[in-house]
PDB file of N, CA and C in Angstrom:
ATOM      1  N   MET A   1       0.856  -1.056   0.229  1.00  0.00           N
ATOM      2  CA  MET A   1      -0.141  -0.156   0.045  1.00  0.00           C
ATOM      3  C   MET A   1       0.951   1.234  -0.037  1.00  0.00           C
ATOM      4  N   ASN A   2       1.987   1.136  -0.469  1.00  0.00           N
ATOM      5  CA  ASN A   2       2.872   2.178  -0.691  1.00  0.00           C
ATOM      6  C   ASN A   2       2.335   3.411  -2.054  1.00  0.00           C
ATOM      7  N   SER A   3       1.533   2.819  -2.509  1.00  0.00           N
ATOM      8  CA  SER A   3       0.920   3.641  -3.390  1.00  0.00           C
ATOM      9  C   SER A   3       0.051   4.572  -3.218  1.00  0.00           C
ATOM     10  N   LEU A   4       0.163   5.743  -3.497  1.00  0.00           N
ATOM     11  CA  LEU A   4      -0.613   7.110  -2.935  1.00  0.00           C
ATOM     12  C   LEU A   4      -1.555   6.890  -4.193  1.00  0.00           C
ATOM     13  N   ARG A   5      -1.643   6.600  -5.085  1.00  0.00           N
ATOM     14  CA  ARG A   5      -2.844   6.522  -6.041  1.00  0.00           C
ATOM     15  C   ARG A   5      -3.649   5.313  -5.461  1.00  0.00           C
ATOM     16  N   LEU A   6      -3.199   4.545  -5.173  1.00  0.00           N
ATOM     17  CA  LEU A   6      -4.200   3.482  -4.640  1.00  0.00           C
ATOM     18  C   LEU A   6      -4.815   3.926  -3.064  1.00  0.00           C
ATOM     19  N   ARG A   7      -4.234   4.440  -2.630  1.00  0.00           N
ATOM     20  CA  ARG A   7      -4.889   4.968  -1.350  1.00  0.00           C
ATOM     21  C   ARG A   7      -5.864   6.124  -1.620  1.00  0.00           C
ATOM     22  N   ASN A   8      -5.455   7.016  -2.347  1.00  0.00           N
ATOM     23  CA  ASN A   8      -6.341   8.013  -2.783  1.00  0.00           C
ATOM     24  C   ASN A   8      -8.052   7.290  -3.135  1.00  0.00           C
ATOM     25  N   GLU A   9      -7.559   6.183  -3.848  1.00  0.00           N
ATOM     26  CA  GLU A   9      -8.872   5.718  -4.367  1.00  0.00           C
ATOM     27  C   GLU A   9      -9.609   4.972  -3.302  1.00  0.00           C
ATOM     28  N   PHE A  10      -9.258   4.075  -2.425  1.00  0.00           N
ATOM     29  CA  PHE A  10      -9.786   3.954  -0.991  1.00  0.00           C
ATOM     30  C   PHE A  10     -10.280   5.266  -0.443  1.00  0.00           C
ATOM     31  N   ALA A  11      -9.486   6.183  -0.087  1.00  0.00           N
ATOM     32  CA  ALA A  11     -10.318   7.602   0.585  1.00  0.00           C
ATOM     33  C   ALA A  11     -11.344   8.193  -0.131  1.00  0.00           C
ATOM     34  N   LYS A  12     -11.428   7.979  -1.431  1.00  0.00           N
ATOM     35  CA  LYS A  12     -12.539   8.372  -2.131  1.00  0.00           C
ATOM     36  C   LYS A  12     -13.904   7.719  -1.540  1.00  0.00           C
ATOM     37  N   VAL A  13     -13.681   6.526  -1.102  1.00  0.00           N
ATOM     38  CA  VAL A  13     -14.849   5.854  -0.694  1.00  0.00           C
ATOM     39  C   VAL A  13     -15.067   5.833   0.989  1.00  0.00           C
ATOM     40  N   GLY A  14     -13.969   6.479   1.709  1.00  0.00           N
ATOM     41  CA  GLY A  14     -14.168   6.569   3.092  1.00  0.00           C
ATOM     42  C   GLY A  14     -13.329   5.424   3.779  1.00  0.00           C
ATOM     43  N   ILE A  15     -12.390   4.959   3.154  1.00  0.00           N
ATOM     44  CA  ILE A  15     -11.605   3.798   3.453  1.00  0.00           C
ATOM     45  C   ILE A  15     -10.051   4.318   3.628  1.00  0.00           C
ATOM     46  N   GLU A  16      -9.678   4.242   4.686  1.00  0.00           N
ATOM     47  CA  GLU A  16      -8.052   4.597   5.178  1.00  0.00           C
ATOM     48  C   GLU A  16      -7.239   3.453   5.041  1.00  0.00           C
ATOM     49  N   ALA A  17      -6.545   3.685   3.951  1.00  0.00           N
ATOM     50  CA  ALA A  17      -5.700   2.191   3.621  1.00  0.00           C
ATOM     51  C   ALA A  17      -4.243   2.796   3.772  1.00  0.00           C
ATOM     52  N   ASP A  18      -3.633   1.678   4.083  1.00  0.00           N
ATOM     53  CA  ASP A  18      -1.797   2.061   4.614  1.00  0.00           C
ATOM     54  C   ASP A  18      -1.283   0.748   4.435  1.00  0.00           C
ATOM     55  N   GLY A  19      -0.081   0.724   4.497  1.00  0.00           N
ATOM     56  CA  GLY A  19       0.823  -0.622   4.746  1.00  0.00           C
ATOM     57  C   GLY A  19       1.403  -0.568   6.123  1.00  0.00           C
ATOM     58  N   PRO A  20       2.170  -1.525   6.737  1.00  0.00           N
ATOM     59  CA  PRO A  20       2.823  -1.660   7.990  1.00  0.00           C
ATOM     60  C   PRO A  20       3.787  -0.292   7.904  1.00  0.00           C
ATOM     61  N   LYS A  21       3.574   0.566   9.071  1.00  0.00           N
ATOM     62  CA  LYS A  21       4.562   1.490   9.188  1.00  0.00           C
ATOM     63  C   LYS A  21       5.851   0.804  10.079  1.00  0.00           C
ATOM     64  N   ASP A  22       5.732   0.116  10.618  1.00  0.00           N
ATOM     65  CA  ASP A  22       6.676  -0.529  11.443  1.00  0.00           C
ATOM     66  C   ASP A  22       7.527  -1.221  10.592  1.00  0.00           C
ATOM     67  N   GLU A  23       9.162  -0.961  10.645  1.00  0.00           N
ATOM     68  CA  GLU A  23      10.270  -1.591   9.773  1.00  0.00           C
ATOM     69  C   GLU A  23      10.234  -2.883   9.953  1.00  0.00           C
ATOM     70  N   ARG A  24       9.871  -3.470  11.176  1.00  0.00           N
ATOM     71  CA  ARG A  24      10.358  -5.018  10.985  1.00  0.00           C
ATOM     72  C   ARG A  24       9.251  -5.663  10.327  1.00  0.00           C
ATOM     73  N   MET A  25       7.906  -5.080  10.753  1.00  0.00           N
ATOM     74  CA  MET A  25       6.977  -5.708   9.807  1.00  0.00           C
ATOM     75  C   MET A  25       7.010  -5.665   8.734  1.00  0.00           C
ATOM     76  N   ARG A  26       7.482  -4.390   8.003  1.00  0.00           N
ATOM     77  CA  ARG A  26       7.560  -4.491   6.679  1.00  0.00           C
ATOM     78  C   ARG A  26       8.554  -5.080   5.859  1.00  0.00           C
ATOM     79  N   PHE A  27       9.501  -5.839   6.840  1.00  0.00           N
ATOM     80  CA  PHE A  27      10.755  -6.528   6.722  1.00  0.00           C
ATOM     81  C   PHE A  27      10.008  -8.089   6.306  1.00  0.00           C
ATOM     82  N   LEU A  28       9.041  -8.281   7.399  1.00  0.00           N
ATOM     83  CA  LEU A  28       8.711  -9.575   7.622  1.00  0.00           C
ATOM     84  C   LEU A  28       7.951  -9.915   6.694  1.00  0.00           C
ATOM     85  N   THR A  29       7.296  -8.652   5.865  1.00  0.00           N
ATOM     86  CA  THR A  29       6.284  -9.026   4.878  1.00  0.00           C
ATOM     87  C   THR A  29       7.108  -9.270   3.664  1.00  0.00           C
ATOM     88  N   THR A  30       8.190  -8.640   3.526  1.00  0.00           N
ATOM     89  CA  THR A  30       8.757  -8.865   2.117  1.00  0.00           C
ATOM     90  C   THR A  30       9.575 -10.226   2.269  1.00  0.00           C
ATOM     91  N   ARG A  31      10.193 -10.810   3.431  1.00  0.00           N
ATOM     92  CA  ARG A  31      10.508 -12.140   3.689  1.00  0.00           C
ATOM     93  C   ARG A  31       9.589 -13.001   3.217  1.00  0.00           C
ATOM     94  N   LEU A  32       8.148 -12.895   3.881  1.00  0.00           N
ATOM     95  CA  LEU A  32       7.230 -13.873   3.390  1.00  0.00           C
ATOM     96  C   LEU A  32       6.851 -14.052   1.968  1.00  0.00           C
ATOM     97  N   ILE A  33       6.992 -12.861   1.139  1.00  0.00           N
ATOM     98  CA  ILE A  33       6.826 -12.875  -0.102  1.00  0.00           C
ATOM     99  C   ILE A  33       7.885 -13.502  -0.906  1.00  0.00           C
ATOM    100  N   ALA A  34       9.174 -13.478  -0.203  1.00  0.00           N
ATOM    101  CA  ALA A  34      10.328 -14.356  -0.846  1.00  0.00           C
ATOM    102  C   ALA A  34      10.006 -15.500  -0.821  1.00  0.00           C
ATOM    103  N   ALA A  35       9.777 -16.110   0.453  1.00  0.00           N
ATOM    104  CA  ALA A  35       9.548 -17.305   0.724  1.00  0.00           C
ATOM    105  C   ALA A  35       8.161 -17.757  -0.149  1.00  0.00           C
ATOM    106  N   LEU A  36       7.220 -17.166  -0.596  1.00  0.00           N
ATOM    107  CA  LEU A  36       6.004 -17.650  -1.140  1.00  0.00           C
ATOM    108  C   LEU A  36       6.782 -17.566  -2.340  1.00  0.00           C
ATOM    109  N   GLN A  37       7.700 -17.191  -2.990  1.00  0.00           N
ATOM    110  CA  GLN A  37       7.891 -17.279  -4.585  1.00  0.00           C
ATOM    111  C   GLN A  37       8.591 -18.503  -4.620  1.00  0.00           C
ATOM    112  N   ALA A  38       9.486 -18.768  -3.572  1.00  0.00           N
ATOM    113  CA  ALA A  38      10.276 -20.080  -3.607  1.00  0.00           C
ATOM    114  C   ALA A  38       9.293 -21.265  -3.030  1.00  0.00           C
ATOM    115  N   ALA A  39       7.977 -21.180  -2.974  1.00  0.00           N
ATOM    116  CA  ALA A  39       7.206 -22.139  -2.639  1.00  0.00           C
ATOM    117  C   ALA A  39       7.111 -22.652  -1.578  1.00  0.00           C
ATOM    118  N   GLU A  40       7.810 -21.843  -0.579  1.00  0.00           N
ATOM    119  CA  GLU A  40       7.614 -22.396   1.077  1.00  0.00           C
ATOM    120  C   GLU A  40       6.683 -21.926   1.440  1.00  0.00           C
ATOM    121  N   VAL A  41       5.419 -22.601   1.537  1.00  0.00           N
ATOM    122  CA  VAL A  41       4.256 -21.853   2.068  1.00  0.00           C
ATOM    123  C   VAL A  41       3.727 -22.466   3.636  1.00  0.00           C
ATOM    124  N   GLU A  42       4.825 -23.290   4.029  1.00  0.00           N
ATOM    125  CA  GLU A  42       4.396 -23.714   5.458  1.00  0.00           C
ATOM    126  C   GLU A  42       4.401 -22.376   6.539  1.00  0.00           C
ATOM    127  N   GLU A  43       2.868 -22.245   7.413  1.00  0.00           N
ATOM    128  CA  GLU A  43       2.947 -21.375   8.233  1.00  0.00           C
ATOM    129  C   GLU A  43       2.973 -20.064   7.693  1.00  0.00           C
ATOM    130  N   ALA A  44       2.691 -19.718   6.194  1.00  0.00           N
ATOM    131  CA  ALA A  44       2.602 -18.473   5.542  1.00  0.00           C
ATOM    132  C   ALA A  44       1.260 -17.567   6.100  1.00  0.00           C
ATOM    133  N   THR A  45       0.106 -18.561   6.292  1.00  0.00           N
ATOM    134  CA  THR A  45      -1.123 -17.861   6.599  1.00  0.00           C
ATOM    135  C   THR A  45      -1.088 -17.526   7.856  1.00  0.00           C
ATOM    136  N   GLU A  46      -0.455 -17.952   9.219  1.00  0.00           N
ATOM    137  CA  GLU A  46      -0.206 -17.481  10.448  1.00  0.00           C
ATOM    138  C   GLU A  46       0.757 -16.265  10.371  1.00  0.00           C
ATOM    139  N   ARG A  47       1.931 -16.491   9.371  1.00  0.00           N
ATOM    140  CA  ARG A  47       2.999 -15.265   9.449  1.00  0.00           C
ATOM    141  C   ARG A  47       2.236 -14.166   9.005  1.00  0.00           C
ATOM    142  N   LEU A  48       1.498 -14.267   8.108  1.00  0.00           N
ATOM    143  CA  LEU A  48       0.870 -12.973   7.359  1.00  0.00           C
ATOM    144  C   LEU A  48      -0.271 -12.598   8.576  1.00  0.00           C
ATOM    145  N   GLY A  49      -1.089 -13.683   8.881  1.00  0.00           N
ATOM    146  CA  GLY A  49      -1.769 -12.674   9.753  1.00  0.00           C
ATOM    147  C   GLY A  49      -1.306 -12.268  10.988  1.00  0.00           C
ATOM    148  N   ASP A  50      -0.041 -12.684  11.129  1.00  0.00           N
ATOM    149  CA  ASP A  50       0.632 -12.057  12.616  1.00  0.00           C
ATOM    150  C   ASP A  50       0.891 -10.409  12.337  1.00  0.00           C
ATOM    151  N   VAL A  51       1.442 -10.341  11.147  1.00  0.00           N
ATOM    152  CA  VAL A  51       1.950  -9.068  10.534  1.00  0.00           C
ATOM    153  C   VAL A  51       0.559  -8.262  10.659  1.00  0.00           C
ATOM    154  N   ALA A  52      -0.525  -8.988  10.187  1.00  0.00           N
ATOM    155  CA  ALA A  52      -1.730  -8.064   9.900  1.00  0.00           C
ATOM    156  C   ALA A  52      -2.188  -7.346  11.152  1.00  0.00           C
ATOM    157  N   ARG A  53      -2.320  -8.539  12.052  1.00  0.00           N
ATOM    158  CA  ARG A  53      -2.860  -8.123  13.435  1.00  0.00           C
ATOM    159  C   ARG A  53      -1.923  -7.119  14.291  1.00  0.00           C
ATOM    160  N   THR A  54      -0.706  -7.521  14.373  1.00  0.00           N
ATOM    161  CA  THR A  54       0.542  -6.507  14.650  1.00  0.00           C
ATOM    162  C   THR A  54       0.423  -5.067  14.290  1.00  0.00           C
ATOM    163  N   SER A  55       0.422  -5.009  12.863  1.00  0.00           N
ATOM    164  CA  SER A  55       0.567  -3.992  11.993  1.00  0.00           C
ATOM    165  C   SER A  55      -0.500  -2.885  12.534  1.00  0.00           C
ATOM    166  N   PHE A  56      -1.691  -3.583  12.266  1.00  0.00           N
ATOM    167  CA  PHE A  56      -2.867  -2.740  12.114  1.00  0.00           C
ATOM    168  C   PHE A  56      -3.798  -2.461  13.360  1.00  0.00           C
ATOM    169  N   GLN A  57      -3.577  -3.247  14.288  1.00  0.00           N
ATOM    170  CA  GLN A  57      -4.038  -3.023  16.140  1.00  0.00           C
ATOM    171  C   GLN A  57      -3.450  -1.563  16.038  1.00  0.00           C
ATOM    172  N   THR A  58      -2.262  -1.154  15.877  1.00  0.00           N
ATOM    173  CA  THR A  58      -1.800   0.257  16.271  1.00  0.00           C
ATOM    174  C   THR A  58      -2.288   1.397  15.557  1.00  0.00           C
ATOM    175  N   GLN A  59      -2.598   0.959  14.241  1.00  0.00           N
ATOM    176  CA  GLN A  59      -2.613   1.978  13.008  1.00  0.00           C
ATOM    177  C   GLN A  59      -3.989   2.185  13.091  1.00  0.00           C
ATOM    178  N   PHE A  60      -5.134   1.091  13.053  1.00  0.00           N
ATOM    179  CA  PHE A  60      -6.477   1.226  12.993  1.00  0.00           C
ATOM    180  C   PHE A  60      -7.003   1.075  14.223  1.00  0.00           C
ATOM    181  N   SER A  61      -8.485   1.499  14.089  1.00  0.00           N
ATOM    182  CA  SER A  61      -9.420   0.527  15.208  1.00  0.00           C
ATOM    183  C   SER A  61     -10.163  -0.274  15.377  1.00  0.00           C
ATOM    184  N   GLY A  62     -10.587  -0.788  13.915  1.00  0.00           N
ATOM    185  CA  GLY A  62     -11.311  -1.680  13.378  1.00  0.00           C
ATOM    186  C   GLY A  62     -10.669  -3.164  13.710  1.00  0.00           C
ATOM    187  N   PRO A  63     -11.325  -4.207  12.967  1.00  0.00           N
ATOM    188  CA  PRO A  63     -10.469  -5.643  12.484  1.00  0.00           C
ATOM    189  C   PRO A  63      -9.635  -5.126  11.367  1.00  0.00           C
ATOM    190  N   PRO A  64      -8.306  -6.083  11.358  1.00  0.00           N
ATOM    191  CA  PRO A  64      -7.674  -5.822   9.993  1.00  0.00           C
ATOM    192  C   PRO A  64      -8.346  -6.457   8.960  1.00  0.00           C
ATOM    193  N   VAL A  65      -8.072  -5.602   7.900  1.00  0.00           N
ATOM    194  CA  VAL A  65      -8.473  -5.943   6.289  1.00  0.00           C
ATOM    195  C   VAL A  65      -7.342  -5.689   5.900  1.00  0.00           C
ATOM    196  N   VAL A  66      -6.971  -6.879   4.922  1.00  0.00           N
ATOM    197  CA  VAL A  66      -5.767  -6.949   4.205  1.00  0.00           C
ATOM    198  C   VAL A  66      -5.879  -7.009   2.613  1.00  0.00           C
ATOM    199  N   CYS A  67      -5.294  -6.284   1.991  1.00  0.00           N
ATOM    200  CA  CYS A  67      -5.870  -6.277   0.265  1.00  0.00           C
ATOM    201  C   CYS A  67      -4.238  -6.858  -0.040  1.00  0.00           C
ATOM    202  N   LEU A  68      -4.425  -8.550  -0.662  1.00  0.00           N
ATOM    203  CA  LEU A  68      -3.458  -9.039  -1.303  1.00  0.00           C
ATOM    204  C   LEU A  68      -3.217  -8.658  -2.496  1.00  0.00           C
ATOM    205  N   ALA A  69      -2.545  -7.609  -2.717  1.00  0.00           N
ATOM    206  CA  ALA A  69      -2.142  -6.627  -3.989  1.00  0.00           C
ATOM    207  C   ALA A  69      -1.134  -7.600  -4.598  1.00  0.00           C
ATOM    208  N   CYS A  70       0.052  -8.157  -3.854  1.00  0.00           N
ATOM    209  CA  CYS A  70       1.066  -8.696  -4.558  1.00  0.00           C
ATOM    210  C   CYS A  70       0.610 -10.095  -4.809  1.00  0.00           C
ATOM    211  N   THR A  71       0.728 -10.338  -5.969  1.00  0.00           N
ATOM    212  CA  THR A  71       0.592 -11.678  -6.574  1.00  0.00           C
ATOM    213  C   THR A  71       0.891 -13.038  -5.690  1.00  0.00           C
ATOM    214  N   GLU A  72       2.170 -12.609  -5.001  1.00  0.00           N
ATOM    215  CA  GLU A  72       2.384 -13.979  -4.562  1.00  0.00           C
ATOM    216  C   GLU A  72       1.429 -13.926  -3.207  1.00  0.00           C
ATOM    217  N   LEU A  73       1.020 -13.078  -2.294  1.00  0.00           N
ATOM    218  CA  LEU A  73       0.334 -13.417  -0.816  1.00  0.00           C
ATOM    219  C   LEU A  73      -0.795 -14.083  -1.189  1.00  0.00           C
ATOM    220  N   PRO A  74      -1.333 -14.179  -2.185  1.00  0.00           N
ATOM    221  CA  PRO A  74      -2.822 -15.305  -1.909  1.00  0.00           C
ATOM    222  C   PRO A  74      -2.097 -16.621  -2.036  1.00  0.00           C
ATOM    223  N   LEU A  75      -0.839 -17.119  -2.375  1.00  0.00           N
ATOM    224  CA  LEU A  75      -0.357 -18.237  -2.094  1.00  0.00           C
ATOM    225  C   LEU A  75      -0.327 -18.753  -0.693  1.00  0.00           C
ATOM    226  N   ALA A  76      -0.466 -17.874   0.197  1.00  0.00           N
ATOM    227  CA  ALA A  76      -0.262 -18.383   1.445  1.00  0.00           C
ATOM    228  C   ALA A  76      -1.597 -18.941   2.125  1.00  0.00           C
ATOM    229  N   PHE A  77      -2.674 -18.936   1.393  1.00  0.00           N
ATOM    230  CA  PHE A  77      -3.864 -19.355   1.481  1.00  0.00           C
ATOM    231  C   PHE A  77      -4.555 -20.330   0.717  1.00  0.00           C
ATOM    232  N   GLN A  78      -4.021 -21.737   0.783  1.00  0.00           N
ATOM    233  CA  GLN A  78      -4.317 -22.406  -0.136  1.00  0.00           C
ATOM    234  C   GLN A  78      -5.545 -22.909   0.127  1.00  0.00           C
ATOM    235  N   ASP A  79      -6.393 -23.020   1.123  1.00  0.00           N
ATOM    236  CA  ASP A  79      -7.770 -23.354   1.140  1.00  0.00           C
ATOM    237  C   ASP A  79      -8.666 -22.124   0.781  1.00  0.00           C
ATOM    238  N   ASN A  80      -8.128 -21.061   0.378  1.00  0.00           N
ATOM    239  CA  ASN A  80      -8.806 -19.913   0.135  1.00  0.00           C
ATOM    240  C   ASN A  80      -8.535 -19.267  -1.054  1.00  0.00           C
ATOM    241  N   SER A  81      -7.701 -19.831  -1.752  1.00  0.00           N
ATOM    242  CA  SER A  81      -6.884 -19.193  -3.159  1.00  0.00           C
ATOM    243  C   SER A  81      -7.871 -18.668  -4.187  1.00  0.00           C
ATOM    244  N   PHE A  82      -8.844 -19.153  -4.254  1.00  0.00           N
ATOM    245  CA  PHE A  82      -9.921 -18.703  -5.224  1.00  0.00           C
ATOM    246  C   PHE A  82     -11.277 -17.879  -4.977  1.00  0.00           C
ATOM    247  N   GLU A  83     -11.082 -17.536  -3.968  1.00  0.00           N
ATOM    248  CA  GLU A  83     -12.225 -16.706  -3.288  1.00  0.00           C
ATOM    249  C   GLU A  83     -11.648 -15.004  -3.400  1.00  0.00           C
ATOM    250  N   PRO A  84     -12.578 -14.014  -3.890  1.00  0.00           N
ATOM    251  CA  PRO A  84     -12.353 -12.966  -4.026  1.00  0.00           C
ATOM    252  C   PRO A  84     -11.886 -12.378  -2.567  1.00  0.00           C
ATOM    253  N   THR A  85     -12.916 -12.768  -1.447  1.00  0.00           N
ATOM    254  CA  THR A  85     -12.759 -12.124  -0.078  1.00  0.00           C
ATOM    255  C   THR A  85     -12.827 -13.353   0.790  1.00  0.00           C
ATOM    256  N   PHE A  86     -12.018 -13.423   2.040  1.00  0.00           N
ATOM    257  CA  PHE A  86     -12.388 -14.354   3.184  1.00  0.00           C
ATOM    258  C   PHE A  86     -11.698 -13.763   4.454  1.00  0.00           C
ATOM    259  N   GLU A  87     -11.961 -14.704   5.401  1.00  0.00           N
ATOM    260  CA  GLU A  87     -11.456 -14.426   6.538  1.00  0.00           C
ATOM    261  C   GLU A  87     -10.849 -15.367   7.170  1.00  0.00           C
ATOM    262  N   VAL A  88      -9.795 -15.144   7.750  1.00  0.00           N
ATOM    263  CA  VAL A  88      -9.226 -16.129   8.628  1.00  0.00           C
ATOM    264  C   VAL A  88      -8.667 -15.813   9.659  1.00  0.00           C
ATOM    265  N   ASP A  89      -8.791 -16.410  11.117  1.00  0.00           N
ATOM    266  CA  ASP A  89      -8.383 -15.725  12.514  1.00  0.00           C
ATOM    267  C   ASP A  89      -8.709 -14.506  12.546  1.00  0.00           C
ATOM    268  N   GLY A  90      -9.800 -13.835  12.511  1.00  0.00           N
ATOM    269  CA  GLY A  90     -10.137 -12.658  12.773  1.00  0.00           C
ATOM    270  C   GLY A  90      -9.511 -11.324  11.556  1.00  0.00           C
ATOM    271  N   VAL A  91      -9.141 -11.987  10.568  1.00  0.00           N
ATOM    272  CA  VAL A  91      -8.408 -11.143   9.576  1.00  0.00           C
ATOM    273  C   VAL A  91      -9.268 -11.326   8.238  1.00  0.00           C
ATOM    274  N   VAL A  92      -9.616 -10.227   7.514  1.00  0.00           N
ATOM    275  CA  VAL A  92     -10.445 -10.190   6.222  1.00  0.00           C
ATOM    276  C   VAL A  92      -9.210  -9.780   5.444  1.00  0.00           C
ATOM    277  N   TYR A  93      -9.118 -10.856   4.347  1.00  0.00           N
ATOM    278  CA  TYR A  93      -8.408 -10.768   3.354  1.00  0.00           C
ATOM    279  C   TYR A  93      -9.231 -10.645   1.999  1.00  0.00           C
ATOM    280  N   ILE A  94      -8.643  -9.591   1.087  1.00  0.00           N
ATOM    281  CA  ILE A  94      -9.123  -9.320  -0.294  1.00  0.00           C
ATOM    282  C   ILE A  94      -8.167  -9.767  -1.357  1.00  0.00           C
ATOM    283  N   ASN A  95      -8.806 -10.926  -2.200  1.00  0.00           N
ATOM    284  CA  ASN A  95      -7.350 -11.457  -3.011  1.00  0.00           C
ATOM    285  C   ASN A  95      -7.684 -10.592  -4.529  1.00  0.00           C
ATOM    286  N   THR A  96      -7.056  -9.618  -4.818  1.00  0.00           N
ATOM    287  CA  THR A  96      -7.056  -8.977  -6.048  1.00  0.00           C
ATOM    288  C   THR A  96      -6.855  -9.433  -7.050  1.00  0.00           C
ATOM    289  N   SER A  97      -6.290 -10.608  -7.263  1.00  0.00           N
ATOM    290  CA  SER A  97      -5.829 -11.278  -8.278  1.00  0.00           C
ATOM    291  C   SER A  97      -7.256 -12.145  -8.818  1.00  0.00           C
ATOM    292  N   ILE A  98      -8.044 -12.753  -7.977  1.00  0.00           N
ATOM    293  CA  ILE A  98      -9.204 -13.268  -8.285  1.00  0.00           C
ATOM    294  C   ILE A  98     -10.145 -12.277  -8.865  1.00  0.00           C
ATOM    295  N   ILE A  99     -10.463 -11.230  -7.928  1.00  0.00           N
ATOM    296  CA  ILE A  99     -11.291 -10.149  -8.402  1.00  0.00           C
ATOM    297  C   ILE A  99     -10.898  -9.386  -9.844  1.00  0.00           C
ATOM    298  N   HIS A 100      -9.561  -9.075 -10.152  1.00  0.00           N
ATOM    299  CA  HIS A 100      -9.258  -8.955 -11.890  1.00  0.00           C
ATOM    300  C   HIS A 100      -9.561 -10.221 -12.300  1.00  0.00           C
ATOM    301  N   ILE A 101      -9.321 -11.489 -12.151  1.00  0.00           N
ATOM    302  CA  ILE A 101      -9.736 -12.264 -13.296  1.00  0.00           C
ATOM    303  C   ILE A 101     -11.401 -12.304 -13.085  1.00  0.00           C
ATOM    304  N   GLU A 102     -12.108 -12.077 -12.247  1.00  0.00           N
ATOM    305  CA  GLU A 102     -13.530 -12.084 -12.393  1.00  0.00           C
ATOM    306  C   GLU A 102     -13.962 -11.188 -13.154  1.00  0.00           C
ATOM    307  N   ALA A 103     -13.281  -9.776 -12.942  1.00  0.00           N
ATOM    308  CA  ALA A 103     -13.927  -8.778 -13.870  1.00  0.00           C
ATOM    309  C   ALA A 103     -13.304  -8.970 -15.373  1.00  0.00           C
ATOM    310  N   ALA A 104     -12.210  -9.384 -15.604  1.00  0.00           N
ATOM    311  CA  ALA A 104     -11.700  -9.981 -16.914  1.00  0.00           C
ATOM    312  C   ALA A 104     -12.752 -10.713 -17.671  1.00  0.00           C
ATOM    313  N   ILE A 105     -13.229 -11.966 -16.613  1.00  0.00           N
ATOM    314  CA  ILE A 105     -14.259 -12.525 -17.519  1.00  0.00           C
ATOM    315  C   ILE A 105     -15.370 -12.063 -17.832  1.00  0.00           C
ATOM    316  N   GLN A 106     -15.980 -11.395 -16.811  1.00  0.00           N
ATOM    317  CA  GLN A 106     -17.321 -10.306 -17.100  1.00  0.00           C
ATOM    318  C   GLN A 106     -17.168  -9.544 -18.037  1.00  0.00           C
ATOM    319  N   PHE A 107     -15.963  -8.752 -18.237  1.00  0.00           N
ATOM    320  CA  PHE A 107     -15.785  -8.229 -19.437  1.00  0.00           C
ATOM    321  C   PHE A 107     -15.923  -8.779 -20.613  1.00  0.00           C
ATOM    322  N   ALA A 108     -15.372  -9.831 -20.839  1.00  0.00           N
ATOM    323  CA  ALA A 108     -15.160 -10.702 -22.078  1.00  0.00           C
ATOM    324  C   ALA A 108     -16.533 -10.865 -22.285  1.00  0.00           C
ATOM    325  N   VAL A 109     -17.225 -11.583 -21.453  1.00  0.00           N
ATOM    326  CA  VAL A 109     -18.536 -12.478 -21.722  1.00  0.00           C
ATOM    327  C   VAL A 109     -19.298 -11.232 -22.069  1.00  0.00           C
ATOM    328  N   GLN A 110     -19.630 -10.041 -21.793  1.00  0.00           N
ATOM    329  CA  GLN A 110     -20.045  -8.998 -21.861  1.00  0.00           C
ATOM    330  C   GLN A 110     -19.876  -8.233 -23.463  1.00  0.00           C
ATOM    331  N   GLN A 111     -18.930  -8.492 -24.135  1.00  0.00           N
ATOM    332  CA  GLN A 111     -18.211  -7.922 -24.948  1.00  0.00           C
ATOM    333  C   GLN A 111     -18.805  -9.235 -26.118  1.00  0.00           C
ATOM    334  N   ALA A 112     -18.771 -10.147 -25.702  1.00  0.00           N
ATOM    335  CA  ALA A 112     -19.061 -11.129 -26.441  1.00  0.00           C
ATOM    336  C   ALA A 112     -20.532 -11.284 -27.064  1.00  0.00           C
ATOM    337  N   ILE A 113     -21.199 -11.000 -26.087  1.00  0.00           N
ATOM    338  CA  ILE A 113     -22.698 -10.625 -25.942  1.00  0.00           C
ATOM    339  C   ILE A 113     -22.908  -9.505 -27.121  1.00  0.00           C
ATOM    340  N   VAL A 114     -22.360  -8.210 -26.816  1.00  0.00           N
ATOM    341  CA  VAL A 114     -22.386  -7.282 -27.715  1.00  0.00           C
ATOM    342  C   VAL A 114     -22.177  -7.430 -29.009  1.00  0.00           C
ATOM    343  N   ILE A 115     -21.091  -8.502 -29.557  1.00  0.00           N
ATOM    344  CA  ILE A 115     -20.784  -8.387 -30.614  1.00  0.00           C
ATOM    345  C   ILE A 115     -21.496  -9.458 -31.152  1.00  0.00           C
ATOM    346  N   SER A 116     -22.258 -10.436 -30.846  1.00  0.00           N
ATOM    347  CA  SER A 116     -23.271 -11.229 -31.196  1.00  0.00           C
ATOM    348  C   SER A 116     -24.507 -10.525 -31.262  1.00  0.00           C
ATOM    349  N   ASN A 117     -24.761  -9.744 -30.887  1.00  0.00           N
ATOM    350  CA  ASN A 117     -25.972  -8.664 -30.964  1.00  0.00           C
ATOM    351  C   ASN A 117     -25.882  -8.016 -32.210  1.00  0.00           C
ATOM    352  N   ARG A 118     -24.932  -7.863 -32.536  1.00  0.00           N
ATOM    353  CA  ARG A 118     -24.719  -6.640 -33.751  1.00  0.00           C
ATOM    354  C   ARG A 118     -25.399  -7.283 -35.005  1.00  0.00           C
TER     355      ARG A 118
END
């Protein structure tokens, strides 16, 4: 969530978005992404949840909601990898990869309908 543009888009609908401010939590997230890239998924769900809870309990007042905008992060969730949103141990996750796939399919189907009606 380092992208100012992304944070601004969330802010337009009243959502305060940010990434971990603590340098250690940022480091742990980077290490986790590297581990997932190497197909090391053991305890990844727990590790990501720990980072979310630790980071966001001090930054925000509500329950943590994590946007899995990095394509590797959904790999931490073998049981939920094809769901656009899901909750694990009190943390809600948004899987942008699945959301993008669903939007692309919906767009393609709509365009096929438009073309077939011409």
